[in-house]
Amino acid sequence: MHISEINIYPIKSLKGIALESAVVEQRGLRFDRRWMLVDRDGTFMTQREFPLMATIETSFAGGELRVSKGDTLDIPYLPDSGEHLPVTIWRDVDVRALAYNGVVSEWFSEKIGTPCKLVVMPDDTNRVIPEEYAVRPEDTVSFADGYPFLLIGEGSLADLNSRLASPIPMNRFRPNFVVHGSEPFAEDTWKRIRIGSTEFHIVKPCARCVITTVDQEKGEKGKEPLATLSSYRNVGGNVLFGQNLIPDIAGGTVRMGDEVEVISRKP
């Protein structure tokens, strides 16, 4: 088994970037979900309510974050406003962020069609992972929904697509790592794995939401694949697809083609 895709999503819920390699940090891959759009109340915004977010492209250019939709805007990694803004992501409230004012937030407000503000997570913000799933008390996460990494096997998507009238691409599920060579849903049985030289703990299956029904090219919602997944991947009211990971030790680099080794399995 080996890694066939490495993806990051610099701004939460916007289009992702495919990479050849990435640095593993404690809160996720470097630059993954370090930025986020929030509403006037500081509450996080996603494709659940604003599916057009999927159509805004992200890239890096000249040491800045670049976003594109019709026109292009370059954004410095840190805002010069110095404005601290407490933001909310699910049950995590008062997460400390830095806000972008002026042209940056105006650009996003125009593209999405509603007032919003871009924020970034500074290095000294520690958003702690829920205690029941953390490996260590100091485990943290970025602006991702709950965990630093998401992994899915190609075999799992192939199994799903065999049940759909119209196959869908992997980007509907927005994984960080995609594994080639595993059996369908083999990742459900893994407890600890090694990707290249970095070990990861598999701590929780990923419960899926309506974002999986958003066409990532058109920014339009449908019914699939959630309707089909619900028929055979529903556990306790949650539709499960993919696994959430926490790194054992940060600082390593993962690369396309890296071997995926299963160190231990769940009982």
C-alpha atoms as a PDB file:
ATOM      1  CA  MET A   1       0.000   0.000   0.000  1.00  0.00           C
ATOM      2  CA  HIS A   2       1.188   3.518  -0.700  1.00  0.00           C
ATOM      3  CA  ILE A   3       0.079   7.145  -0.671  1.00  0.00           C
ATOM      4  CA  SER A   4      -1.534   8.189  -3.950  1.00  0.00           C
ATOM      5  CA  GLU A   5      -2.758  11.666  -2.920  1.00  0.00           C
ATOM      6  CA  ILE A   6      -1.650  14.340  -0.451  1.00  0.00           C
ATOM      7  CA  ASN A   7      -4.032  17.282  -0.107  1.00  0.00           C
ATOM      8  CA  ILE A   8      -4.239  20.429   1.958  1.00  0.00           C
ATOM      9  CA  TYR A   9      -7.080  22.934   2.250  1.00  0.00           C
ATOM     10  CA  PRO A  10      -5.427  26.177   3.375  1.00  0.00           C
ATOM     11  CA  ILE A  11      -8.733  28.030   3.842  1.00  0.00           C
ATOM     12  CA  LYS A  12     -11.353  25.822   5.454  1.00  0.00           C
ATOM     13  CA  SER A  13     -14.042  24.695   2.967  1.00  0.00           C
ATOM     14  CA  LEU A  14     -12.374  26.288  -0.079  1.00  0.00           C
ATOM     15  CA  LYS A  15     -10.813  24.290  -2.916  1.00  0.00           C
ATOM     16  CA  GLY A  16      -7.821  22.195  -1.892  1.00  0.00           C
ATOM     17  CA  ILE A  17      -4.276  21.862  -3.234  1.00  0.00           C
ATOM     18  CA  ALA A  18      -2.678  18.554  -4.288  1.00  0.00           C
ATOM     19  CA  LEU A  19       0.952  18.241  -3.171  1.00  0.00           C
ATOM     20  CA  GLU A  20       3.900  15.983  -3.916  1.00  0.00           C
ATOM     21  CA  SER A  21       5.080  16.219  -0.299  1.00  0.00           C
ATOM     22  CA  ALA A  22       4.042  17.915   2.937  1.00  0.00           C
ATOM     23  CA  VAL A  23       5.426  18.541   6.420  1.00  0.00           C
ATOM     24  CA  VAL A  24       3.584  16.869   9.299  1.00  0.00           C
ATOM     25  CA  GLU A  25       2.809  19.314  12.112  1.00  0.00           C
ATOM     26  CA  GLN A  26       0.964  18.547  15.332  1.00  0.00           C
ATOM     27  CA  ARG A  27      -2.208  20.353  14.250  1.00  0.00           C
ATOM     28  CA  GLY A  28      -2.173  19.009  10.664  1.00  0.00           C
ATOM     29  CA  LEU A  29      -0.158  19.235   7.480  1.00  0.00           C
ATOM     30  CA  ARG A  30       1.673  22.540   7.137  1.00  0.00           C
ATOM     31  CA  PHE A  31      -0.730  25.264   5.918  1.00  0.00           C
ATOM     32  CA  ASP A  32      -3.747  22.955   6.134  1.00  0.00           C
ATOM     33  CA  ARG A  33      -6.861  24.774   7.380  1.00  0.00           C
ATOM     34  CA  ARG A  34      -4.861  27.531   9.032  1.00  0.00           C
ATOM     35  CA  TRP A  35      -7.274  30.104   7.560  1.00  0.00           C
ATOM     36  CA  MET A  36     -11.055  30.243   7.812  1.00  0.00           C
ATOM     37  CA  LEU A  37     -14.013  32.439   6.900  1.00  0.00           C
ATOM     38  CA  VAL A  38     -16.355  33.536   9.686  1.00  0.00           C
ATOM     39  CA  ASP A  39     -19.635  35.444   9.774  1.00  0.00           C
ATOM     40  CA  ARG A  40     -20.379  38.649  11.684  1.00  0.00           C
ATOM     41  CA  ASP A  41     -20.667  36.672  14.922  1.00  0.00           C
ATOM     42  CA  GLY A  42     -17.292  34.968  14.451  1.00  0.00           C
ATOM     43  CA  THR A  43     -18.888  31.596  13.649  1.00  0.00           C
ATOM     44  CA  PHE A  44     -17.145  29.410  11.090  1.00  0.00           C
ATOM     45  CA  MET A  45     -18.536  29.209   7.550  1.00  0.00           C
ATOM     46  CA  THR A  46     -18.487  26.093   5.346  1.00  0.00           C
ATOM     47  CA  GLN A  47     -19.930  24.565   2.199  1.00  0.00           C
ATOM     48  CA  ARG A  48     -22.809  23.239   4.280  1.00  0.00           C
ATOM     49  CA  GLU A  49     -24.490  26.623   4.054  1.00  0.00           C
ATOM     50  CA  PHE A  50     -22.404  28.225   1.280  1.00  0.00           C
ATOM     51  CA  PRO A  51     -21.605  25.579  -1.373  1.00  0.00           C
ATOM     52  CA  LEU A  52     -20.057  28.199  -3.676  1.00  0.00           C
ATOM     53  CA  MET A  53     -17.060  28.218  -1.320  1.00  0.00           C
ATOM     54  CA  ALA A  54     -15.952  25.039  -3.116  1.00  0.00           C
ATOM     55  CA  THR A  55     -15.301  27.018  -6.312  1.00  0.00           C
ATOM     56  CA  ILE A  56     -12.742  29.458  -4.861  1.00  0.00           C
ATOM     57  CA  GLU A  57      -9.263  28.222  -5.763  1.00  0.00           C
ATOM     58  CA  THR A  58      -6.271  28.479  -3.443  1.00  0.00           C
ATOM     59  CA  SER A  59      -2.546  28.374  -4.180  1.00  0.00           C
ATOM     60  CA  PHE A  60       0.745  29.786  -2.942  1.00  0.00           C
ATOM     61  CA  ALA A  61       2.733  32.433  -4.779  1.00  0.00           C
ATOM     62  CA  GLY A  62       5.692  34.536  -3.712  1.00  0.00           C
ATOM     63  CA  GLY A  63       5.356  33.738  -0.033  1.00  0.00           C
ATOM     64  CA  GLU A  64       1.671  34.643   0.035  1.00  0.00           C
ATOM     65  CA  LEU A  65      -1.626  32.793  -0.125  1.00  0.00           C
ATOM     66  CA  ARG A  66      -3.410  33.336  -3.458  1.00  0.00           C
ATOM     67  CA  VAL A  67      -7.156  32.954  -4.001  1.00  0.00           C
ATOM     68  CA  SER A  68      -8.900  33.005  -7.358  1.00  0.00           C
ATOM     69  CA  LYS A  69     -12.469  33.194  -8.623  1.00  0.00           C
ATOM     70  CA  GLY A  70     -12.725  35.291 -11.762  1.00  0.00           C
ATOM     71  CA  ASP A  71     -10.003  37.565 -10.441  1.00  0.00           C
ATOM     72  CA  THR A  72      -7.077  36.909  -8.118  1.00  0.00           C
ATOM     73  CA  LEU A  73      -6.104  38.191  -4.679  1.00  0.00           C
ATOM     74  CA  ASP A  74      -2.780  37.667  -2.884  1.00  0.00           C
ATOM     75  CA  ILE A  75      -3.021  37.476   0.893  1.00  0.00           C
ATOM     76  CA  PRO A  76      -0.105  37.755   3.357  1.00  0.00           C
ATOM     77  CA  TYR A  77       0.233  34.858   5.760  1.00  0.00           C
ATOM     78  CA  LEU A  78      -0.516  37.184   8.669  1.00  0.00           C
ATOM     79  CA  PRO A  79      -2.742  40.285   8.591  1.00  0.00           C
ATOM     80  CA  ASP A  80      -1.355  43.688   9.451  1.00  0.00           C
ATOM     81  CA  SER A  81      -4.488  44.661  11.387  1.00  0.00           C
ATOM     82  CA  GLY A  82      -3.352  43.017  14.613  1.00  0.00           C
ATOM     83  CA  GLU A  83      -7.037  42.496  15.470  1.00  0.00           C
ATOM     84  CA  HIS A  84      -7.652  39.482  17.686  1.00  0.00           C
ATOM     85  CA  LEU A  85     -11.015  37.852  17.126  1.00  0.00           C
ATOM     86  CA  PRO A  86     -12.545  34.985  19.149  1.00  0.00           C
ATOM     87  CA  VAL A  87     -14.108  32.502  16.709  1.00  0.00           C
ATOM     88  CA  THR A  88     -16.374  29.475  17.078  1.00  0.00           C
ATOM     89  CA  ILE A  89     -15.942  26.060  15.424  1.00  0.00           C
ATOM     90  CA  TRP A  90     -18.609  23.594  16.514  1.00  0.00           C
ATOM     91  CA  ARG A  91     -18.383  23.297  20.300  1.00  0.00           C
ATOM     92  CA  ASP A  92     -15.059  25.133  20.468  1.00  0.00           C
ATOM     93  CA  VAL A  93     -15.800  28.762  21.335  1.00  0.00           C
ATOM     94  CA  ASP A  94     -13.477  31.718  21.834  1.00  0.00           C
ATOM     95  CA  VAL A  95     -10.742  30.168  19.677  1.00  0.00           C
ATOM     96  CA  ARG A  96      -8.173  32.932  19.290  1.00  0.00           C
ATOM     97  CA  ALA A  97      -7.646  34.091  15.700  1.00  0.00           C
ATOM     98  CA  LEU A  98      -6.258  37.104  13.840  1.00  0.00           C
ATOM     99  CA  ALA A  99      -8.616  38.943  11.482  1.00  0.00           C
ATOM    100  CA  TYR A 100      -8.072  40.394   8.023  1.00  0.00           C
ATOM    101  CA  ASN A 101      -9.890  43.664   7.453  1.00  0.00           C
ATOM    102  CA  GLY A 102     -10.472  45.839   4.406  1.00  0.00           C
ATOM    103  CA  VAL A 103      -9.980  44.507   0.884  1.00  0.00           C
ATOM    104  CA  VAL A 104      -9.322  40.874   1.857  1.00  0.00           C
ATOM    105  CA  SER A 105     -12.579  40.285   3.687  1.00  0.00           C
ATOM    106  CA  GLU A 106     -14.457  42.454   1.164  1.00  0.00           C
ATOM    107  CA  TRP A 107     -13.221  40.191  -1.654  1.00  0.00           C
ATOM    108  CA  PHE A 108     -14.582  37.060   0.029  1.00  0.00           C
ATOM    109  CA  SER A 109     -17.856  38.753   0.932  1.00  0.00           C
ATOM    110  CA  GLU A 110     -18.403  39.603  -2.731  1.00  0.00           C
ATOM    111  CA  LYS A 111     -17.522  36.122  -4.028  1.00  0.00           C
ATOM    112  CA  ILE A 112     -19.692  34.244  -1.543  1.00  0.00           C
ATOM    113  CA  GLY A 113     -22.515  36.767  -1.527  1.00  0.00           C
ATOM    114  CA  THR A 114     -22.683  37.387   2.204  1.00  0.00           C
ATOM    115  CA  PRO A 115     -20.681  39.470   4.714  1.00  0.00           C
ATOM    116  CA  CYS A 116     -17.733  37.505   6.066  1.00  0.00           C
ATOM    117  CA  LYS A 117     -14.233  37.919   7.379  1.00  0.00           C
ATOM    118  CA  LEU A 118     -11.042  35.930   6.825  1.00  0.00           C
ATOM    119  CA  VAL A 119      -9.135  34.867   9.936  1.00  0.00           C
ATOM    120  CA  VAL A 120      -5.894  32.972  10.504  1.00  0.00           C
ATOM    121  CA  MET A 121      -4.831  30.768  13.415  1.00  0.00           C
ATOM    122  CA  PRO A 122      -1.625  32.128  14.985  1.00  0.00           C
ATOM    123  CA  ASP A 123       1.033  29.695  16.161  1.00  0.00           C
ATOM    124  CA  ASP A 124       0.283  30.370  19.824  1.00  0.00           C
ATOM    125  CA  THR A 125      -3.381  29.314  19.571  1.00  0.00           C
ATOM    126  CA  ASN A 126      -3.911  25.829  20.972  1.00  0.00           C
ATOM    127  CA  ARG A 127      -7.238  24.305  19.994  1.00  0.00           C
ATOM    128  CA  VAL A 128      -7.267  21.059  21.953  1.00  0.00           C
ATOM    129  CA  ILE A 129      -8.639  17.795  20.561  1.00  0.00           C
ATOM    130  CA  PRO A 130     -11.556  16.275  22.545  1.00  0.00           C
ATOM    131  CA  GLU A 131     -10.161  14.365  25.512  1.00  0.00           C
ATOM    132  CA  GLU A 132     -11.928  11.121  24.628  1.00  0.00           C
ATOM    133  CA  TYR A 133     -10.033  10.890  21.327  1.00  0.00           C
ATOM    134  CA  ALA A 134      -6.728  12.620  22.079  1.00  0.00           C
ATOM    135  CA  VAL A 135      -3.595  10.516  22.399  1.00  0.00           C
ATOM    136  CA  ARG A 136      -1.953  13.118  24.649  1.00  0.00           C
ATOM    137  CA  PRO A 137      -3.427  16.071  26.575  1.00  0.00           C
ATOM    138  CA  GLU A 138      -1.434  18.496  24.420  1.00  0.00           C
ATOM    139  CA  ASP A 139      -2.807  17.217  21.088  1.00  0.00           C
ATOM    140  CA  THR A 140      -4.144  20.138  19.045  1.00  0.00           C
ATOM    141  CA  VAL A 141      -5.896  20.755  15.758  1.00  0.00           C
ATOM    142  CA  SER A 142      -6.168  23.588  13.234  1.00  0.00           C
ATOM    143  CA  PHE A 143      -9.500  24.980  12.000  1.00  0.00           C
ATOM    144  CA  ALA A 144     -10.411  21.478  10.741  1.00  0.00           C
ATOM    145  CA  ASP A 145     -13.726  20.166  12.032  1.00  0.00           C
ATOM    146  CA  GLY A 146     -12.105  18.149  14.784  1.00  0.00           C
ATOM    147  CA  TYR A 147      -8.901  16.264  13.943  1.00  0.00           C
ATOM    148  CA  PRO A 148      -5.567  17.019  12.259  1.00  0.00           C
ATOM    149  CA  PHE A 149      -5.643  14.429   9.432  1.00  0.00           C
ATOM    150  CA  LEU A 150      -8.167  12.500   7.357  1.00  0.00           C
ATOM    151  CA  LEU A 151      -7.282   9.308   5.468  1.00  0.00           C
ATOM    152  CA  ILE A 152      -9.349   7.334   2.944  1.00  0.00           C
ATOM    153  CA  GLY A 153      -8.519   4.257   0.883  1.00  0.00           C
ATOM    154  CA  GLU A 154      -9.098   4.218  -2.877  1.00  0.00           C
ATOM    155  CA  GLY A 155     -10.771   0.846  -2.388  1.00  0.00           C
ATOM    156  CA  SER A 156     -13.441   2.421  -0.168  1.00  0.00           C
ATOM    157  CA  LEU A 157     -14.334   4.968  -2.831  1.00  0.00           C
ATOM    158  CA  ALA A 158     -14.391   2.239  -5.493  1.00  0.00           C
ATOM    159  CA  ASP A 159     -16.845   0.264  -3.346  1.00  0.00           C
ATOM    160  CA  LEU A 160     -19.081   3.320  -2.981  1.00  0.00           C
ATOM    161  CA  ASN A 161     -18.916   4.169  -6.684  1.00  0.00           C
ATOM    162  CA  SER A 162     -19.961   0.639  -7.575  1.00  0.00           C
ATOM    163  CA  ARG A 163     -23.266   1.421  -5.840  1.00  0.00           C
ATOM    164  CA  LEU A 164     -23.845   4.860  -7.401  1.00  0.00           C
ATOM    165  CA  ALA A 165     -25.521   5.616 -10.712  1.00  0.00           C
ATOM    166  CA  SER A 166     -22.909   8.324 -11.325  1.00  0.00           C
ATOM    167  CA  PRO A 167     -19.423   7.816  -9.814  1.00  0.00           C
ATOM    168  CA  ILE A 168     -17.961  10.677  -7.796  1.00  0.00           C
ATOM    169  CA  PRO A 169     -14.339  11.800  -7.301  1.00  0.00           C
ATOM    170  CA  MET A 170     -12.403  11.556  -4.064  1.00  0.00           C
ATOM    171  CA  ASN A 171     -12.482  15.344  -3.610  1.00  0.00           C
ATOM    172  CA  ARG A 172     -16.068  15.100  -2.330  1.00  0.00           C
ATOM    173  CA  PHE A 173     -14.547  13.787   0.930  1.00  0.00           C
ATOM    174  CA  ARG A 174     -11.643  16.253   1.210  1.00  0.00           C
ATOM    175  CA  PRO A 175      -9.012  13.826   2.580  1.00  0.00           C
ATOM    176  CA  ASN A 176      -5.414  14.690   3.414  1.00  0.00           C
ATOM    177  CA  PHE A 177      -4.143  11.209   2.548  1.00  0.00           C
ATOM    178  CA  VAL A 178      -5.432   8.733  -0.021  1.00  0.00           C
ATOM    179  CA  VAL A 179      -4.160   5.154   0.106  1.00  0.00           C
ATOM    180  CA  HIS A 180      -3.699   2.949  -2.948  1.00  0.00           C
ATOM    181  CA  GLY A 181      -3.702  -0.830  -2.628  1.00  0.00           C
ATOM    182  CA  SER A 182      -5.969  -1.386   0.382  1.00  0.00           C
ATOM    183  CA  GLU A 183      -9.192  -3.367   0.430  1.00  0.00           C
ATOM    184  CA  PRO A 184     -12.507  -1.466   0.737  1.00  0.00           C
ATOM    185  CA  PHE A 185     -12.800   0.006   4.235  1.00  0.00           C
ATOM    186  CA  ALA A 186      -9.610  -1.706   5.410  1.00  0.00           C
ATOM    187  CA  GLU A 187      -8.759   1.582   7.147  1.00  0.00           C
ATOM    188  CA  ASP A 188     -11.641   0.911   9.561  1.00  0.00           C
ATOM    189  CA  THR A 189      -9.551  -1.855  11.116  1.00  0.00           C
ATOM    190  CA  TRP A 190      -6.295   0.068  11.525  1.00  0.00           C
ATOM    191  CA  LYS A 191      -5.182   1.408  14.895  1.00  0.00           C
ATOM    192  CA  ARG A 192      -1.665   2.667  14.181  1.00  0.00           C
ATOM    193  CA  ILE A 193       0.089   3.132  10.848  1.00  0.00           C
ATOM    194  CA  ARG A 194       3.347   4.433   9.424  1.00  0.00           C
ATOM    195  CA  ILE A 195       3.478   6.646   6.345  1.00  0.00           C
ATOM    196  CA  GLY A 196       7.078   6.927   5.230  1.00  0.00           C
ATOM    197  CA  SER A 197       8.889   7.545   8.525  1.00  0.00           C
ATOM    198  CA  THR A 198       5.953   9.134  10.389  1.00  0.00           C
ATOM    199  CA  GLU A 199       3.618   7.161  12.640  1.00  0.00           C
ATOM    200  CA  PHE A 200      -0.038   8.055  13.102  1.00  0.00           C
ATOM    201  CA  HIS A 201      -2.738   6.995  15.557  1.00  0.00           C
ATOM    202  CA  ILE A 202      -6.129   6.309  14.004  1.00  0.00           C
ATOM    203  CA  VAL A 203      -8.474   7.685  16.621  1.00  0.00           C
ATOM    204  CA  LYS A 204     -11.951   8.017  15.143  1.00  0.00           C
ATOM    205  CA  PRO A 205     -13.998   7.234  12.027  1.00  0.00           C
ATOM    206  CA  CYS A 206     -15.143  10.347  10.180  1.00  0.00           C
ATOM    207  CA  ALA A 207     -18.880  11.087  10.351  1.00  0.00           C
ATOM    208  CA  ARG A 208     -19.914  12.604   7.037  1.00  0.00           C
ATOM    209  CA  CYS A 209     -22.231  15.536   6.347  1.00  0.00           C
ATOM    210  CA  VAL A 210     -23.896  17.307   3.407  1.00  0.00           C
ATOM    211  CA  ILE A 211     -20.548  18.675   2.168  1.00  0.00           C
ATOM    212  CA  THR A 212     -20.071  15.276   0.488  1.00  0.00           C
ATOM    213  CA  THR A 213     -23.078  16.133  -1.711  1.00  0.00           C
ATOM    214  CA  VAL A 214     -21.487  19.353  -3.031  1.00  0.00           C
ATOM    215  CA  ASP A 215     -20.019  19.131  -6.528  1.00  0.00           C
ATOM    216  CA  GLN A 216     -16.565  20.574  -5.882  1.00  0.00           C
ATOM    217  CA  GLU A 217     -16.291  22.016  -9.394  1.00  0.00           C
ATOM    218  CA  LYS A 218     -19.752  23.598  -9.672  1.00  0.00           C
ATOM    219  CA  GLY A 219     -20.487  24.444  -6.026  1.00  0.00           C
ATOM    220  CA  GLU A 220     -23.908  22.787  -6.244  1.00  0.00           C
ATOM    221  CA  LYS A 221     -25.594  20.413  -3.772  1.00  0.00           C
ATOM    222  CA  GLY A 222     -27.233  17.095  -4.625  1.00  0.00           C
ATOM    223  CA  LYS A 223     -28.351  14.002  -2.693  1.00  0.00           C
ATOM    224  CA  GLU A 224     -25.479  11.632  -3.364  1.00  0.00           C
ATOM    225  CA  PRO A 225     -23.336  10.066  -2.097  1.00  0.00           C
ATOM    226  CA  LEU A 226     -24.877  10.626   1.344  1.00  0.00           C
ATOM    227  CA  ALA A 227     -28.115   8.831   0.483  1.00  0.00           C
ATOM    228  CA  THR A 228     -26.295   5.679  -0.642  1.00  0.00           C
ATOM    229  CA  LEU A 229     -23.721   5.807   2.139  1.00  0.00           C
ATOM    230  CA  SER A 230     -26.546   6.021   4.664  1.00  0.00           C
ATOM    231  CA  SER A 231     -27.866   2.664   3.441  1.00  0.00           C
ATOM    232  CA  TYR A 232     -24.764   0.699   4.401  1.00  0.00           C
ATOM    233  CA  ARG A 233     -22.361   2.883   6.404  1.00  0.00           C
ATOM    234  CA  ASN A 234     -24.730   4.174   9.094  1.00  0.00           C
ATOM    235  CA  VAL A 235     -23.501   3.420  12.612  1.00  0.00           C
ATOM    236  CA  GLY A 236     -25.478   4.863  15.507  1.00  0.00           C
ATOM    237  CA  GLY A 237     -26.962   7.572  13.318  1.00  0.00           C
ATOM    238  CA  ASN A 238     -23.593   8.623  11.876  1.00  0.00           C
ATOM    239  CA  VAL A 239     -22.627   7.975   8.250  1.00  0.00           C
ATOM    240  CA  LEU A 240     -18.975   6.896   8.373  1.00  0.00           C
ATOM    241  CA  PHE A 241     -16.404   7.218   5.601  1.00  0.00           C
ATOM    242  CA  GLY A 242     -12.666   7.678   6.218  1.00  0.00           C
ATOM    243  CA  GLN A 243     -10.580   7.790   9.376  1.00  0.00           C
ATOM    244  CA  ASN A 244      -9.249  10.653  11.511  1.00  0.00           C
ATOM    245  CA  LEU A 245      -5.561  10.549  12.465  1.00  0.00           C
ATOM    246  CA  ILE A 246      -3.268  12.141  15.033  1.00  0.00           C
ATOM    247  CA  PRO A 247       0.517  12.131  14.471  1.00  0.00           C
ATOM    248  CA  ASP A 248       2.726  10.341  16.951  1.00  0.00           C
ATOM    249  CA  ILE A 249       5.545  12.876  16.561  1.00  0.00           C
ATOM    250  CA  ALA A 250       5.404  15.979  14.370  1.00  0.00           C
ATOM    251  CA  GLY A 251       8.179  17.186  12.111  1.00  0.00           C
ATOM    252  CA  GLY A 252       8.405  14.460   9.491  1.00  0.00           C
ATOM    253  CA  THR A 253       7.657  14.748   5.795  1.00  0.00           C
ATOM    254  CA  VAL A 254       5.199  12.598   3.864  1.00  0.00           C
ATOM    255  CA  ARG A 255       5.633  12.116   0.131  1.00  0.00           C
ATOM    256  CA  MET A 256       3.648  10.754  -2.759  1.00  0.00           C
ATOM    257  CA  GLY A 257       4.395   7.061  -3.126  1.00  0.00           C
ATOM    258  CA  ASP A 258       5.344   6.584   0.532  1.00  0.00           C
ATOM    259  CA  GLU A 259       4.594   3.105   1.798  1.00  0.00           C
ATOM    260  CA  VAL A 260       1.674   2.767   4.210  1.00  0.00           C
ATOM    261  CA  GLU A 261       2.472   0.161   6.859  1.00  0.00           C
ATOM    262  CA  VAL A 262      -0.081  -1.081   9.383  1.00  0.00           C
ATOM    263  CA  ILE A 263       1.658  -1.289  12.760  1.00  0.00           C
ATOM    264  CA  SER A 264      -1.366  -2.452  14.761  1.00  0.00           C
ATOM    265  CA  ARG A 265      -5.053  -3.150  14.247  1.00  0.00           C
ATOM    266  CA  LYS A 266      -8.152  -2.600  16.332  1.00  0.00           C
ATOM    267  CA  PRO A 267      -9.343  -5.585  18.397  1.00  0.00           C
END
